[in-house]
Amino acid sequence: MIPKYRKQFNQEFSQEKYERFKEILKEKSGLSASFRLSESPMFLTNEFKDKLIDASESIIDQIKALPEGTLEKAIPENCKVPNDTKQPHFFTIDFGICRGEDGAIEPQLIELQAFPSLYAFQKVFEETFSEVYPFLNEIKSKMPHEEFQNYLKELIVGEENPENVILLEIFPEKQKTAIDFALTEKLLGIKTVCLTKVKKEEKKLFYENDGKKIQINRIYNRVIFDELDRIPDLEFEFDFREDADVKWITHPNWFFKISKFLLPMLKHQFVPKSYFLHEFPESENLENFVLKPLFSFAGSGVNLNPTIEITDTIEDKENYILQRKVIYEPIFEDINGEFSKAEIRLLYIWRENDERPILLENLGRMTKAAMVNVDFNKKDAIWIGSSNAFFAEE
């Protein structure tokens, strides 16, 4: 895509620049990324971006038009958290980069979430690409760093003192996304706090910093709530399901409400047909579909080649979907003349008084494997891992 920029990048690329790129990110965050960083950004046309926006706007319209109470059905009874909000603070949509029947490159919806992604990291990621390869400055995002920072600060910190706002995660230092936590702290002036360190006194929450007890008024939530049960011998004072004097950014219920649960309800030329497993019609062929659990994270539990034998053994069929397969198109040429496939995630924020979300950034994931999740790649491949898309005229 966009031969001009691909050719220039590949000509300018060197392993030394890639190492420098990673070193700059480490200098800015204080940490090395614990996930693979692609050597290359993705160059995509403005025409493709228009298709992304058209599909996203349609999806947003359809979600807003759902009958009242529809989304609440997605929340497991044992995961309901009080004081829900009318809309999420974050909204992300993943599209595979595919080739349509007309031969044109087009997006195909993979999944969507109302859960924060690597917002702070992706902005710095894009800026670092542009530092190492200055020609990218002409096509990088038009949103200045300060404007991006103000959007996130308004959303996450609001009118609070930053010390009364925390990024909440479980064992954050062990998470692959720790580099994003570090950059978020620098961007917003807030602390990252482990759930096991949160103290509860009646309905108030506290954490300790330099021996000082500090009240928590807002939580930038990065905990996948339903995964807590899978951690053995986990002990914590604050149960999400308890009423607390705290503002959630974003509320944990939205992790379930905006999820694969929605896919069977959405219609658009860039939305592959999906069914709940228990509603899969006999007229469809199973081999044309991918089996996905509703609430998995980072590709876990996905089966690219489901069979009747596999689906028949699943007892909670209402918690799985079958999504029509899409073929990712290998269009991103590396320096060896080999091609990578990719998907792109649009990172929106949704302010409480806004009718529609605001697109802040994007996140790319490149692969040469059957699944786009970076864990599924061969270790010696290049042009794979976390990336960022730059858009320009062809």
Protein backbone atom coordinates (compact mmCIF):
# COMPACT_ATOMS: atom_id res chain seq x y z
CA MET A 1 0.00 0.00 0.00
CA ILE A 2 1.31 3.46 -1.00
CA PRO A 3 4.43 2.29 -2.88
CA LYS A 4 6.16 5.66 -2.48
CA TYR A 5 6.37 5.45 1.31
CA ARG A 6 6.96 1.70 1.43
CA LYS A 7 9.90 2.02 -0.97
CA GLN A 8 11.44 4.91 0.97
CA PHE A 9 11.04 3.18 4.33
CA ASN A 10 12.56 -0.08 3.10
CA GLN A 11 15.49 1.82 1.56
CA GLU A 12 16.15 3.73 4.80
CA PHE A 13 15.62 0.77 7.14
CA SER A 14 18.55 -0.77 8.98
CA GLN A 15 18.90 -3.03 12.01
CA GLU A 16 20.79 -0.19 13.70
CA LYS A 17 17.80 2.12 13.27
CA TYR A 18 15.49 -0.57 14.65
CA GLU A 19 17.69 -0.94 17.75
CA ARG A 20 17.77 2.86 18.12
CA PHE A 21 13.98 2.94 17.76
CA LYS A 22 13.59 0.47 20.65
CA GLU A 23 16.17 2.35 22.72
CA ILE A 24 14.27 5.65 22.34
CA LEU A 25 11.06 3.97 23.49
CA LYS A 26 12.93 2.61 26.50
CA GLU A 27 14.33 6.07 27.29
CA LYS A 28 10.87 7.63 27.09
CA SER A 29 9.15 5.01 29.26
CA GLY A 30 11.91 3.65 31.49
CA LEU A 31 11.03 0.12 30.35
CA SER A 32 11.70 -2.23 27.47
CA ALA A 33 8.57 -3.41 25.70
CA SER A 34 7.74 -7.00 26.71
CA PHE A 35 5.93 -7.62 23.42
CA ARG A 36 7.48 -7.65 19.97
CA LEU A 37 7.69 -4.35 18.14
CA SER A 38 7.44 -4.49 14.38
CA GLU A 39 10.36 -2.99 12.53
CA SER A 40 7.94 -1.23 10.19
CA PRO A 41 4.84 0.91 10.33
CA MET A 42 1.90 0.17 8.03
CA PHE A 43 1.26 2.53 5.12
CA LEU A 44 -2.43 2.70 4.22
CA THR A 45 -4.36 4.93 1.86
CA ASN A 46 -6.79 7.64 2.88
CA GLU A 47 -9.34 5.72 0.80
CA PHE A 48 -8.86 2.73 3.11
CA LYS A 49 -9.15 5.02 6.14
CA ASP A 50 -12.48 6.28 4.79
CA LYS A 51 -13.70 2.66 4.67
CA LEU A 52 -12.60 2.16 8.29
CA ILE A 53 -14.45 5.27 9.41
CA ASP A 54 -17.58 4.38 7.42
CA ALA A 55 -17.75 0.93 9.04
CA SER A 56 -17.02 2.32 12.50
CA GLU A 57 -19.65 5.05 12.26
CA SER A 58 -22.22 2.48 11.13
CA ILE A 59 -21.33 0.20 14.06
CA ILE A 60 -21.64 3.10 16.51
CA ASP A 61 -25.06 3.99 15.05
CA GLN A 62 -26.24 0.38 15.40
CA ILE A 63 -25.06 0.14 19.02
CA LYS A 64 -26.79 3.39 19.93
CA ALA A 65 -30.02 2.12 18.32
CA LEU A 66 -30.16 -1.18 20.25
CA PRO A 67 -33.26 -1.65 22.43
CA GLU A 68 -32.76 -0.68 26.05
CA GLY A 69 -31.51 -3.57 28.14
CA THR A 70 -29.93 -5.49 25.24
CA LEU A 71 -26.35 -4.91 26.30
CA GLU A 72 -27.04 -5.72 29.95
CA LYS A 73 -27.76 -9.32 28.92
CA ALA A 74 -24.05 -9.72 28.14
CA ILE A 75 -22.93 -9.26 31.76
CA PRO A 76 -22.54 -12.54 33.69
CA GLU A 77 -24.50 -12.44 36.94
CA ASN A 78 -21.36 -12.98 39.01
CA CYS A 79 -19.57 -10.07 37.29
CA LYS A 80 -22.11 -7.25 37.65
CA VAL A 81 -20.60 -4.10 39.15
CA PRO A 82 -22.84 -1.35 40.62
CA ASN A 83 -23.07 2.28 39.42
CA ASP A 84 -22.97 1.59 35.68
CA THR A 85 -22.71 4.45 33.16
CA LYS A 86 -24.83 5.22 30.10
CA GLN A 87 -21.88 4.81 27.73
CA PRO A 88 -18.26 3.63 27.94
CA HIS A 89 -15.27 5.96 28.20
CA PHE A 90 -13.29 3.88 25.70
CA PHE A 91 -14.26 2.22 22.46
CA THR A 92 -11.91 0.20 20.27
CA ILE A 93 -12.61 -1.62 17.00
CA ASP A 94 -10.36 -4.19 15.32
CA PHE A 95 -10.39 -4.72 11.56
CA GLY A 96 -8.50 -7.24 9.48
CA ILE A 97 -6.89 -5.81 6.33
CA CYS A 98 -8.34 -7.92 3.54
CA ARG A 99 -9.01 -7.94 -0.20
CA GLY A 100 -12.61 -7.62 -1.33
CA GLU A 101 -14.34 -9.42 -4.17
CA ASP A 102 -13.72 -6.37 -6.37
CA GLY A 103 -9.97 -6.68 -5.76
CA ALA A 104 -9.76 -3.57 -3.58
CA ILE A 105 -8.19 -3.61 -0.12
CA GLU A 106 -10.92 -3.36 2.51
CA PRO A 107 -11.36 -3.73 6.27
CA GLN A 108 -13.29 -6.60 7.83
CA LEU A 109 -14.45 -6.36 11.42
CA ILE A 110 -12.72 -8.79 13.79
CA GLU A 111 -13.94 -7.62 17.19
CA LEU A 112 -14.74 -4.58 19.30
CA GLN A 113 -14.25 -3.63 22.94
CA ALA A 114 -15.10 -0.91 25.42
CA PHE A 115 -11.85 -1.44 27.26
CA PRO A 116 -8.74 0.75 27.24
CA SER A 117 -5.95 -0.31 24.94
CA LEU A 118 -2.41 1.06 24.63
CA TYR A 119 -3.45 4.70 24.24
CA ALA A 120 -0.37 6.35 25.78
CA PHE A 121 2.03 3.87 24.17
CA GLN A 122 0.65 4.16 20.64
CA LYS A 123 1.01 7.94 20.54
CA VAL A 124 4.65 7.69 21.64
CA PHE A 125 5.15 4.75 19.26
CA GLU A 126 3.99 6.83 16.29
CA GLU A 127 6.12 9.80 17.36
CA THR A 128 9.19 7.58 17.74
CA PHE A 129 8.77 6.13 14.24
CA SER A 130 8.70 9.73 13.00
CA GLU A 131 11.87 10.62 14.95
CA VAL A 132 13.87 7.73 13.52
CA TYR A 133 12.43 8.18 10.00
CA PRO A 134 11.83 11.97 9.66
CA PHE A 135 10.02 11.65 6.29
CA LEU A 136 7.09 10.16 8.24
CA ASN A 137 6.41 13.54 9.84
CA GLU A 138 4.58 14.61 6.69
CA ILE A 139 1.98 11.85 7.10
CA LYS A 140 1.79 11.30 10.86
CA SER A 141 -1.37 12.08 12.84
CA LYS A 142 -2.36 15.75 12.72
CA MET A 143 -3.25 15.68 16.44
CA PRO A 144 -0.43 17.36 18.43
CA HIS A 145 0.90 15.57 21.51
CA GLU A 146 -0.54 18.26 23.80
CA GLU A 147 -4.05 17.90 22.37
CA PHE A 148 -3.86 14.11 22.72
CA GLN A 149 -2.65 14.52 26.31
CA ASN A 150 -5.47 16.96 27.13
CA TYR A 151 -8.12 14.58 25.79
CA LEU A 152 -6.87 11.72 27.97
CA LYS A 153 -6.33 13.94 31.02
CA GLU A 154 -9.86 15.33 30.79
CA LEU A 155 -11.27 11.82 30.41
CA ILE A 156 -9.24 9.95 33.03
CA VAL A 157 -8.22 12.57 35.62
CA GLY A 158 -11.08 15.03 35.14
CA GLU A 159 -11.19 17.70 37.86
CA GLU A 160 -9.43 15.48 40.41
CA ASN A 161 -5.94 15.88 41.81
CA PRO A 162 -3.90 13.27 39.88
CA GLU A 163 -2.77 11.67 43.15
CA ASN A 164 -6.40 10.68 43.80
CA VAL A 165 -6.58 8.89 40.43
CA ILE A 166 -4.98 5.48 39.85
CA LEU A 167 -4.38 3.11 36.98
CA LEU A 168 -5.62 -0.20 38.42
CA GLU A 169 -4.22 -3.54 37.31
CA ILE A 170 -3.45 -6.89 38.87
CA PHE A 171 0.33 -7.36 39.33
CA PRO A 172 1.03 -4.54 36.81
CA GLU A 173 4.79 -5.14 36.76
CA LYS A 174 4.14 -8.62 35.33
CA GLN A 175 1.81 -7.46 32.55
CA LYS A 176 2.97 -7.30 28.93
CA THR A 177 1.43 -3.82 28.76
CA ALA A 178 3.63 -2.44 31.59
CA ILE A 179 5.33 -0.02 29.15
CA ASP A 180 1.94 1.59 28.50
CA PHE A 181 1.34 1.94 32.24
CA ALA A 182 4.69 3.72 32.61
CA LEU A 183 3.92 6.11 29.74
CA THR A 184 0.43 6.74 31.14
CA GLU A 185 1.98 7.73 34.49
CA LYS A 186 4.25 10.20 32.71
CA LEU A 187 1.43 11.53 30.54
CA LEU A 188 -1.15 12.03 33.30
CA GLY A 189 0.82 12.16 36.55
CA ILE A 190 -1.10 9.25 38.08
CA LYS A 191 0.13 6.12 39.86
CA THR A 192 -0.25 2.51 38.77
CA VAL A 193 -1.60 0.46 41.69
CA CYS A 194 -2.04 -3.30 42.05
CA LEU A 195 -5.52 -4.42 43.07
CA THR A 196 -3.98 -6.30 46.01
CA LYS A 197 -2.71 -2.96 47.40
CA VAL A 198 -6.08 -1.20 47.43
CA LYS A 199 -7.52 -0.74 50.93
CA LYS A 200 -11.23 -0.35 51.67
CA GLU A 201 -12.73 1.50 54.63
CA GLU A 202 -16.52 1.40 54.52
CA LYS A 203 -17.22 2.71 50.99
CA LYS A 204 -13.94 4.59 50.51
CA LEU A 205 -10.84 3.23 48.75
CA PHE A 206 -7.20 4.05 49.50
CA TYR A 207 -3.67 3.26 48.37
CA GLU A 208 -0.34 3.99 49.99
CA ASN A 209 2.39 6.13 48.45
CA ASP A 210 5.65 6.85 50.32
CA GLY A 211 4.00 5.82 53.57
CA LYS A 212 1.05 8.17 53.04
CA LYS A 213 -2.53 6.90 52.80
CA ILE A 214 -4.24 8.48 49.78
CA GLN A 215 -7.93 8.27 48.89
CA ILE A 216 -8.85 6.94 45.44
CA ASN A 217 -11.57 8.96 43.72
CA ARG A 218 -11.20 7.75 40.12
CA ILE A 219 -10.00 4.43 38.73
CA TYR A 220 -8.55 4.08 35.23
CA ASN A 221 -9.42 0.40 35.11
CA ARG A 222 -7.12 -2.04 33.30
CA VAL A 223 -8.22 -5.16 35.20
CA ILE A 224 -9.97 -7.87 33.17
CA PHE A 225 -12.53 -8.57 35.89
CA ASP A 226 -13.53 -12.09 34.88
CA GLU A 227 -9.88 -13.22 34.83
CA LEU A 228 -9.43 -12.66 38.58
CA ASP A 229 -11.00 -16.05 39.33
CA ARG A 230 -8.23 -17.75 37.35
CA ILE A 231 -5.42 -16.46 39.57
CA PRO A 232 -4.75 -18.96 42.38
CA ASP A 233 -4.62 -17.76 46.01
CA LEU A 234 -5.36 -14.17 45.02
CA GLU A 235 -6.26 -12.01 48.02
CA PHE A 236 -7.62 -8.47 47.89
CA GLU A 237 -9.81 -6.25 50.06
CA PHE A 238 -11.83 -4.54 47.35
CA ASP A 239 -14.34 -6.62 45.43
CA PHE A 240 -15.56 -4.86 42.27
CA ARG A 241 -19.12 -5.97 43.02
CA GLU A 242 -19.20 -3.95 46.23
CA ASP A 243 -20.56 -0.42 46.21
CA ALA A 244 -17.71 2.08 46.56
CA ASP A 245 -17.31 5.86 46.45
CA VAL A 246 -15.28 5.84 43.28
CA LYS A 247 -15.65 6.83 39.63
CA TRP A 248 -14.78 4.11 37.11
CA ILE A 249 -12.98 5.05 33.87
CA THR A 250 -14.33 2.94 32.21
CA HIS A 251 -16.92 0.98 34.17
CA PRO A 252 -16.12 -2.79 34.29
CA ASN A 253 -19.58 -3.75 32.96
CA TRP A 254 -18.67 -2.33 29.56
CA PHE A 255 -16.01 -5.00 29.03
CA PHE A 256 -18.88 -7.45 28.59
CA LYS A 257 -21.42 -5.15 26.92
CA ILE A 258 -19.20 -4.06 24.02
CA SER A 259 -17.65 -7.37 23.05
CA LYS A 260 -18.08 -10.31 20.69
CA PHE A 261 -21.57 -10.52 22.19
CA LEU A 262 -22.52 -7.74 19.74
CA LEU A 263 -21.16 -9.30 16.55
CA PRO A 264 -24.28 -11.32 15.59
CA MET A 265 -26.33 -8.11 15.82
CA LEU A 266 -24.24 -5.96 13.49
CA LYS A 267 -24.70 -5.56 9.73
CA HIS A 268 -22.39 -3.84 7.24
CA GLN A 269 -20.46 -4.81 4.13
CA PHE A 270 -17.29 -4.81 6.26
CA VAL A 271 -18.83 -6.87 9.08
CA PRO A 272 -18.53 -10.67 8.56
CA LYS A 273 -21.67 -12.62 9.44
CA SER A 274 -21.63 -14.03 12.97
CA TYR A 275 -23.89 -16.32 14.99
CA PHE A 276 -24.12 -17.37 18.59
CA LEU A 277 -23.07 -21.01 18.67
CA HIS A 278 -26.46 -22.20 19.91
CA GLU A 279 -28.16 -20.34 17.02
CA PHE A 280 -25.87 -21.51 14.20
CA PRO A 281 -28.13 -22.46 11.27
CA GLU A 282 -27.88 -25.81 9.49
CA SER A 283 -27.77 -23.96 6.17
CA GLU A 284 -24.28 -22.63 6.96
CA ASN A 285 -21.04 -24.62 6.59
CA LEU A 286 -18.98 -24.82 9.77
CA GLU A 287 -15.68 -24.87 7.88
CA ASN A 288 -16.32 -21.28 6.75
CA PHE A 289 -16.36 -19.99 10.34
CA VAL A 290 -14.02 -19.29 13.25
CA LEU A 291 -15.08 -20.29 16.77
CA LYS A 292 -14.52 -17.63 19.45
CA PRO A 293 -15.39 -17.47 23.15
CA LEU A 294 -17.26 -14.26 23.96
CA PHE A 295 -14.92 -12.95 26.60
CA SER A 296 -11.41 -14.11 25.77
CA PHE A 297 -8.47 -11.73 25.61
CA ALA A 298 -5.46 -11.64 23.22
CA GLY A 299 -6.76 -14.45 21.03
CA SER A 300 -7.06 -17.10 23.74
CA GLY A 301 -9.58 -19.85 23.06
CA VAL A 302 -10.01 -19.01 19.37
CA ASN A 303 -10.33 -22.05 17.06
CA LEU A 304 -9.64 -21.37 13.38
CA ASN A 305 -10.90 -24.78 12.27
CA PRO A 306 -13.88 -25.83 14.42
CA THR A 307 -15.59 -29.16 13.84
CA ILE A 308 -18.94 -30.60 14.88
CA GLU A 309 -17.08 -32.82 17.36
CA ILE A 310 -15.56 -29.72 18.98
CA THR A 311 -18.74 -27.62 19.07
CA ASP A 312 -20.84 -30.52 20.39
CA THR A 313 -18.66 -30.79 23.49
CA ILE A 314 -19.25 -27.12 24.44
CA GLU A 315 -21.92 -26.92 27.13
CA ASP A 316 -22.31 -23.12 27.41
CA LYS A 317 -22.91 -22.53 23.70
CA GLU A 318 -24.47 -19.12 24.38
CA ASN A 319 -20.98 -17.95 25.44
CA TYR A 320 -19.42 -18.67 22.03
CA ILE A 321 -19.84 -17.22 18.57
CA LEU A 322 -19.06 -18.47 15.10
CA GLN A 323 -17.74 -15.68 12.87
CA ARG A 324 -17.33 -16.05 9.12
CA LYS A 325 -13.66 -16.38 8.22
CA VAL A 326 -11.91 -13.49 6.57
CA ILE A 327 -8.67 -13.76 4.62
CA TYR A 328 -6.00 -11.28 5.64
CA GLU A 329 -4.16 -9.99 2.59
CA PRO A 330 -0.33 -10.01 2.76
CA ILE A 331 0.44 -6.54 1.42
CA PHE A 332 3.22 -5.17 3.64
CA GLU A 333 6.50 -5.91 1.89
CA ASP A 334 9.64 -6.34 3.98
CA ILE A 335 13.26 -5.82 2.93
CA ASN A 336 13.52 -9.46 1.83
CA GLY A 337 10.59 -9.25 -0.56
CA GLU A 338 8.31 -11.21 1.79
CA PHE A 339 4.91 -9.92 2.85
CA SER A 340 3.15 -9.51 6.19
CA LYS A 341 -0.56 -9.43 6.97
CA ALA A 342 -2.07 -7.11 9.55
CA GLU A 343 -5.02 -5.85 11.46
CA ILE A 344 -5.69 -2.37 12.74
CA ARG A 345 -7.39 -1.21 15.93
CA LEU A 346 -9.04 2.20 16.07
CA LEU A 347 -8.69 3.80 19.50
CA TYR A 348 -11.64 6.02 20.44
CA ILE A 349 -12.54 7.84 23.64
CA TRP A 350 -16.16 8.57 24.51
CA ARG A 351 -16.68 11.54 26.78
CA GLU A 352 -19.70 11.36 29.04
CA ASN A 353 -21.63 14.24 27.46
CA ASP A 354 -20.74 13.47 23.86
CA GLU A 355 -23.14 11.77 21.47
CA ARG A 356 -20.33 10.02 19.65
CA PRO A 357 -16.77 8.87 20.44
CA ILE A 358 -13.62 10.67 19.24
CA LEU A 359 -10.90 8.83 17.31
CA LEU A 360 -7.50 9.49 18.95
CA GLU A 361 -5.04 6.94 17.56
CA ASN A 362 -4.60 3.55 15.95
CA LEU A 363 -2.78 0.35 16.81
CA GLY A 364 -1.43 -2.04 14.22
CA ARG A 365 -0.50 -5.70 14.56
CA MET A 366 1.53 -7.37 11.83
CA THR A 367 2.08 -11.08 11.29
CA LYS A 368 3.26 -13.79 8.96
CA ALA A 369 1.38 -16.45 10.96
CA ALA A 370 -2.18 -17.78 10.79
CA MET A 371 -3.25 -15.67 13.78
CA VAL A 372 -2.42 -12.00 14.16
CA ASN A 373 -1.73 -12.16 17.90
CA VAL A 374 2.01 -11.55 18.22
CA ASP A 375 2.49 -14.70 20.33
CA PHE A 376 1.81 -16.86 17.27
CA ASN A 377 4.71 -15.60 15.15
CA LYS A 378 7.99 -17.32 14.38
CA LYS A 379 10.77 -15.73 16.38
CA ASP A 380 13.07 -15.06 13.42
CA ALA A 381 10.52 -13.31 11.22
CA ILE A 382 10.58 -9.55 10.57
CA TRP A 383 7.80 -7.03 9.94
CA ILE A 384 5.80 -8.71 12.74
CA GLY A 385 4.45 -7.49 16.06
CA SER A 386 2.98 -4.25 17.34
CA SER A 387 2.89 -1.45 14.80
CA ASN A 388 1.16 1.79 13.83
CA ALA A 389 -0.61 2.88 10.66
CA PHE A 390 0.24 6.01 8.69
CA PHE A 391 -2.35 7.21 6.18
CA ALA A 392 -1.68 9.17 2.99
CA GLU A 393 -2.81 9.70 -0.58
CA GLU A 394 -1.67 6.94 -2.90
